[in-house]
Amino acid sequence: MRTKTFREYLECCRFDDIWTAMTENFPEPDELKTVYAEYCEKLKALPPYPADGLIDISGRPTSRPDGMNAAPDLLIDKQVEAYGESPAYAAAVLLYWASLHTFHTSKEHDDDLGRWLDIIEADDCKALGQYMMESIKPQPFATEMRDSIQRKERLFWEETFSHTSSGDWRGILYVLKRKLEYDMGFMRGYADHAGREYDADRMQLCCNLIDGATADIYPDERARRMLSLLFRTLDRNITSWSD
């Protein structure tokens, strides 16, 4: 049986079933049900974006699935390996971790940035005033959404450090890899500079090199070459990975 995509898992489930699975596995309050319901509909409405690779949800739900290294706009049609889990559970895990950085889509972010740049270019004071008023207007459930994102960040880093141990040099690089994976999701979807995709690709290259270099506690010649290339790539690029 073929795997389903992220979008297909969202579309094949009633949201109430997704929400039940969400609250059984994550500490999300009832106040956020409406927020997640709206977010789910936004994701299902995203334009098609076929992507290579898999999202793997075989681990604990409190661990962000492997393969979720981009904004949901770029993941929505990626295949998901659910290993026999129920569709509602799979959809809940995907929906939860898709909002690690924000409950906005990349399209929403880019549209808002485009509007801001158009206003600045036109030097339209009236439009600028309206934009600023809208930006400071209190948003419903803003506090609850901020708390949710902070909980996800804590889970992400708790999971990261649970895989490190004293005396194993590979743990140092594992923490670096997780930091790069965390930043990739932001870089691919919410950074504002023109080279964000190039930067994210270099981050992915570093993650791949870390995987190869740390496959064994005693690195062979190939692993040492990977380490050398990793540090050369970081030396040339890391100081430009900001927004």
Protein backbone atom coordinates (compact mmCIF):
# COMPACT_ATOMS: atom_id res chain seq x y z
CA MET A 1 0.00 0.00 0.00
CA ARG A 2 1.40 3.37 -0.97
CA THR A 3 2.20 6.01 1.59
CA LYS A 4 0.01 9.08 1.99
CA THR A 5 1.18 12.66 1.76
CA PHE A 6 1.00 15.22 4.55
CA ARG A 7 -1.98 16.81 2.75
CA GLU A 8 -3.77 13.47 2.34
CA TYR A 9 -3.53 12.73 6.07
CA LEU A 10 -5.13 16.08 6.85
CA GLU A 11 -7.83 15.60 4.23
CA CYS A 12 -8.81 12.03 5.20
CA CYS A 13 -9.57 12.85 8.84
CA ARG A 14 -12.30 14.78 10.61
CA PHE A 15 -10.69 17.65 12.50
CA ASP A 16 -12.36 16.57 15.74
CA ASP A 17 -10.53 13.23 15.45
CA ILE A 18 -7.24 15.03 14.78
CA TRP A 19 -7.83 17.25 17.80
CA THR A 20 -8.56 14.26 20.03
CA ALA A 21 -5.27 12.66 18.96
CA MET A 22 -3.52 16.00 19.44
CA THR A 23 -4.64 16.44 23.04
CA GLU A 24 -3.87 12.80 23.87
CA ASN A 25 -0.23 13.27 22.84
CA PHE A 26 0.57 16.95 23.40
CA PRO A 27 -0.22 19.42 26.21
CA GLU A 28 -2.30 21.78 24.06
CA PRO A 29 -5.18 23.63 25.77
CA ASP A 30 -8.76 23.66 24.50
CA GLU A 31 -8.41 27.35 23.66
CA LEU A 32 -6.17 26.41 20.74
CA LYS A 33 -8.68 24.09 19.06
CA THR A 34 -9.98 26.91 16.86
CA VAL A 35 -6.43 28.00 16.02
CA TYR A 36 -5.42 24.50 14.91
CA ALA A 37 -8.67 24.04 12.97
CA GLU A 38 -7.98 27.23 10.99
CA TYR A 39 -4.34 26.25 10.53
CA CYS A 40 -5.37 22.83 9.23
CA GLU A 41 -7.64 24.43 6.62
CA LYS A 42 -4.86 26.81 5.56
CA LEU A 43 -2.49 23.90 5.01
CA LYS A 44 -5.02 21.92 3.00
CA ALA A 45 -5.57 24.97 0.78
CA LEU A 46 -1.88 25.40 -0.04
CA PRO A 47 -0.95 25.04 -3.73
CA PRO A 48 0.58 21.71 -4.83
CA TYR A 49 4.29 21.31 -4.10
CA PRO A 50 5.62 17.81 -4.89
CA ALA A 51 8.72 17.06 -2.82
CA ASP A 52 11.26 14.27 -2.64
CA GLY A 53 12.03 12.30 0.48
CA LEU A 54 9.89 11.13 3.40
CA ILE A 55 8.58 12.50 6.66
CA ASP A 56 9.15 9.73 9.22
CA ILE A 57 6.82 9.71 12.24
CA SER A 58 8.02 6.39 13.65
CA GLY A 59 9.52 8.03 16.74
CA ARG A 60 7.81 9.37 19.84
CA PRO A 61 5.23 12.09 19.12
CA THR A 62 7.22 14.49 21.30
CA SER A 63 10.13 14.20 18.85
CA ARG A 64 9.86 16.28 15.69
CA PRO A 65 9.64 13.83 12.77
CA ASP A 66 12.68 13.42 10.54
CA GLY A 67 12.17 15.12 7.20
CA MET A 68 10.21 18.11 8.50
CA ASN A 69 13.03 20.49 7.58
CA ALA A 70 11.04 23.19 5.80
CA ALA A 71 7.94 25.36 6.04
CA PRO A 72 4.64 23.45 5.66
CA ASP A 73 4.16 24.99 2.20
CA LEU A 74 7.13 22.90 1.02
CA LEU A 75 6.17 19.78 2.99
CA ILE A 76 2.44 19.56 2.30
CA ASP A 77 2.78 17.06 -0.56
CA LYS A 78 5.74 15.14 0.86
CA GLN A 79 5.21 11.42 1.48
CA VAL A 80 4.79 10.32 5.10
CA GLU A 81 5.90 7.01 6.59
CA ALA A 82 3.45 6.33 9.43
CA TYR A 83 4.27 2.67 10.23
CA GLY A 84 0.66 1.58 10.79
CA GLU A 85 -0.32 4.52 12.99
CA SER A 86 -3.91 5.73 12.73
CA PRO A 87 -4.56 8.54 10.22
CA ALA A 88 -5.78 10.85 12.99
CA TYR A 89 -2.59 10.30 15.00
CA ALA A 90 -0.39 10.87 11.95
CA ALA A 91 -2.30 14.05 11.06
CA ALA A 92 -2.03 15.32 14.64
CA VAL A 93 1.74 14.79 14.80
CA LEU A 94 2.24 16.45 11.42
CA LEU A 95 0.00 19.40 12.27
CA TYR A 96 1.63 19.92 15.65
CA TRP A 97 5.21 19.97 14.40
CA ALA A 98 4.40 21.96 11.25
CA SER A 99 3.73 24.89 13.59
CA LEU A 100 7.10 24.72 15.35
CA HIS A 101 8.00 28.24 14.25
CA THR A 102 4.61 29.89 13.65
CA PHE A 103 0.96 29.25 12.88
CA HIS A 104 1.39 31.19 9.62
CA THR A 105 2.25 29.63 6.30
CA SER A 106 5.23 30.76 4.27
CA LYS A 107 2.80 32.17 1.69
CA GLU A 108 1.19 34.37 4.35
CA HIS A 109 4.60 35.59 5.44
CA ASP A 110 5.77 36.33 1.89
CA ASP A 111 2.48 38.07 0.99
CA ASP A 112 2.79 40.29 4.07
CA LEU A 113 6.41 41.09 3.25
CA GLY A 114 5.44 41.90 -0.35
CA ARG A 115 2.73 44.26 0.85
CA TRP A 116 5.20 46.02 3.16
CA LEU A 117 7.77 46.45 0.39
CA ASP A 118 5.09 47.79 -2.01
CA ILE A 119 4.06 50.38 0.59
CA ILE A 120 7.66 51.48 1.18
CA GLU A 121 8.38 51.68 -2.54
CA ALA A 122 5.23 53.74 -3.17
CA ASP A 123 6.02 56.01 -0.18
CA ASP A 124 2.31 55.83 0.71
CA CYS A 125 1.98 57.32 4.20
CA LYS A 126 -1.71 56.49 4.50
CA ALA A 127 -1.16 52.86 3.58
CA LEU A 128 1.84 52.71 5.92
CA GLY A 129 -0.25 54.01 8.81
CA GLN A 130 -2.96 51.46 8.09
CA TYR A 131 -0.39 48.67 7.91
CA MET A 132 1.16 49.69 11.24
CA MET A 133 -2.23 49.86 12.94
CA GLU A 134 -3.08 46.38 11.70
CA SER A 135 0.28 45.02 12.87
CA ILE A 136 -0.22 46.21 16.48
CA LYS A 137 -3.87 45.16 16.69
CA PRO A 138 -4.25 42.40 19.33
CA GLN A 139 -4.70 38.98 17.74
CA PRO A 140 -7.06 36.35 19.21
CA PHE A 141 -5.27 33.67 21.24
CA ALA A 142 -1.89 35.37 20.69
CA THR A 143 -0.68 34.39 24.18
CA GLU A 144 -1.80 30.78 23.77
CA MET A 145 -0.09 30.50 20.38
CA ARG A 146 3.15 31.94 21.76
CA ASP A 147 3.04 29.49 24.68
CA SER A 148 2.44 26.61 22.24
CA ILE A 149 5.48 27.53 20.17
CA GLN A 150 7.60 27.77 23.31
CA ARG A 151 6.45 24.31 24.41
CA LYS A 152 7.46 22.90 21.02
CA GLU A 153 10.87 24.52 21.27
CA ARG A 154 11.40 22.97 24.73
CA LEU A 155 10.37 19.54 23.44
CA PHE A 156 12.69 19.93 20.47
CA TRP A 157 15.72 20.73 22.61
CA GLU A 158 14.90 18.21 25.36
CA GLU A 159 14.80 15.51 22.70
CA THR A 160 18.07 16.79 21.26
CA PHE A 161 20.02 16.62 24.51
CA SER A 162 18.54 13.25 25.46
CA HIS A 163 20.58 11.75 22.59
CA THR A 164 23.95 13.05 23.79
CA SER A 165 26.25 11.44 26.32
CA SER A 166 29.52 12.35 27.99
CA GLY A 167 32.61 11.03 26.28
CA ASP A 168 31.03 10.60 22.83
CA TRP A 169 32.36 13.26 20.46
CA ARG A 170 29.47 12.63 18.08
CA GLY A 171 27.03 14.26 20.50
CA ILE A 172 28.64 17.64 19.84
CA LEU A 173 27.91 17.34 16.15
CA TYR A 174 24.42 15.95 16.81
CA VAL A 175 23.51 19.14 18.69
CA LEU A 176 24.91 21.17 15.79
CA LYS A 177 22.88 19.13 13.32
CA ARG A 178 19.67 19.69 15.30
CA LYS A 179 20.33 23.42 15.42
CA LEU A 180 20.80 23.45 11.65
CA GLU A 181 17.58 21.44 11.18
CA TYR A 182 15.72 23.86 13.42
CA ASP A 183 17.01 26.84 11.45
CA MET A 184 16.28 25.21 8.08
CA GLY A 185 12.56 25.23 8.75
CA PHE A 186 12.72 28.96 9.39
CA MET A 187 15.14 29.67 6.56
CA ARG A 188 13.12 27.91 3.87
CA GLY A 189 9.85 29.51 4.81
CA TYR A 190 10.14 32.69 6.83
CA ALA A 191 13.51 34.36 6.25
CA ASP A 192 13.34 37.58 4.24
CA HIS A 193 16.65 37.69 2.38
CA ALA A 194 17.02 36.71 -1.27
CA GLY A 195 19.45 33.84 -0.67
CA ARG A 196 17.39 31.93 1.90
CA GLU A 197 17.06 28.78 -0.23
CA TYR A 198 20.81 28.74 -0.94
CA ASP A 199 21.51 29.05 2.79
CA ALA A 200 19.07 26.26 3.61
CA ASP A 201 20.69 23.99 1.02
CA ARG A 202 24.10 24.55 2.62
CA MET A 203 22.61 23.75 6.03
CA GLN A 204 21.23 20.51 4.62
CA LEU A 205 24.65 19.69 3.17
CA CYS A 206 26.17 20.13 6.63
CA CYS A 207 23.53 17.82 8.15
CA ASN A 208 24.30 15.17 5.56
CA LEU A 209 28.02 15.46 6.26
CA ILE A 210 27.41 15.13 10.00
CA ASP A 211 25.40 11.95 9.41
CA GLY A 212 28.21 10.46 7.36
CA ALA A 213 31.01 11.56 9.64
CA THR A 214 29.37 10.30 12.84
CA ALA A 215 28.15 6.92 11.58
CA ASP A 216 30.79 5.21 13.72
CA ILE A 217 32.53 6.26 16.91
CA TYR A 218 35.88 5.45 15.25
CA PRO A 219 35.90 7.51 12.01
CA ASP A 220 37.58 6.02 8.95
CA GLU A 221 39.30 8.06 6.22
CA ARG A 222 36.03 8.79 4.43
CA ALA A 223 34.44 10.05 7.64
CA ARG A 224 37.43 12.29 8.32
CA ARG A 225 37.13 13.78 4.83
CA MET A 226 33.48 14.50 5.59
CA LEU A 227 34.48 16.24 8.82
CA SER A 228 36.98 18.35 6.92
CA LEU A 229 34.39 19.34 4.31
CA LEU A 230 31.87 20.09 7.07
CA PHE A 231 34.14 22.57 8.79
CA ARG A 232 35.18 24.17 5.50
CA THR A 233 31.52 24.67 4.61
CA LEU A 234 30.78 26.16 8.03
CA ASP A 235 33.84 28.41 7.83
CA ARG A 236 32.70 29.84 4.50
CA ASN A 237 29.00 30.16 5.22
CA ILE A 238 27.96 30.17 8.84
CA THR A 239 28.42 33.89 9.48
CA SER A 240 26.01 34.72 6.65
CA TRP A 241 23.21 32.48 7.99
CA SER A 242 21.19 35.27 9.53
CA ASP A 243 18.10 37.18 8.51
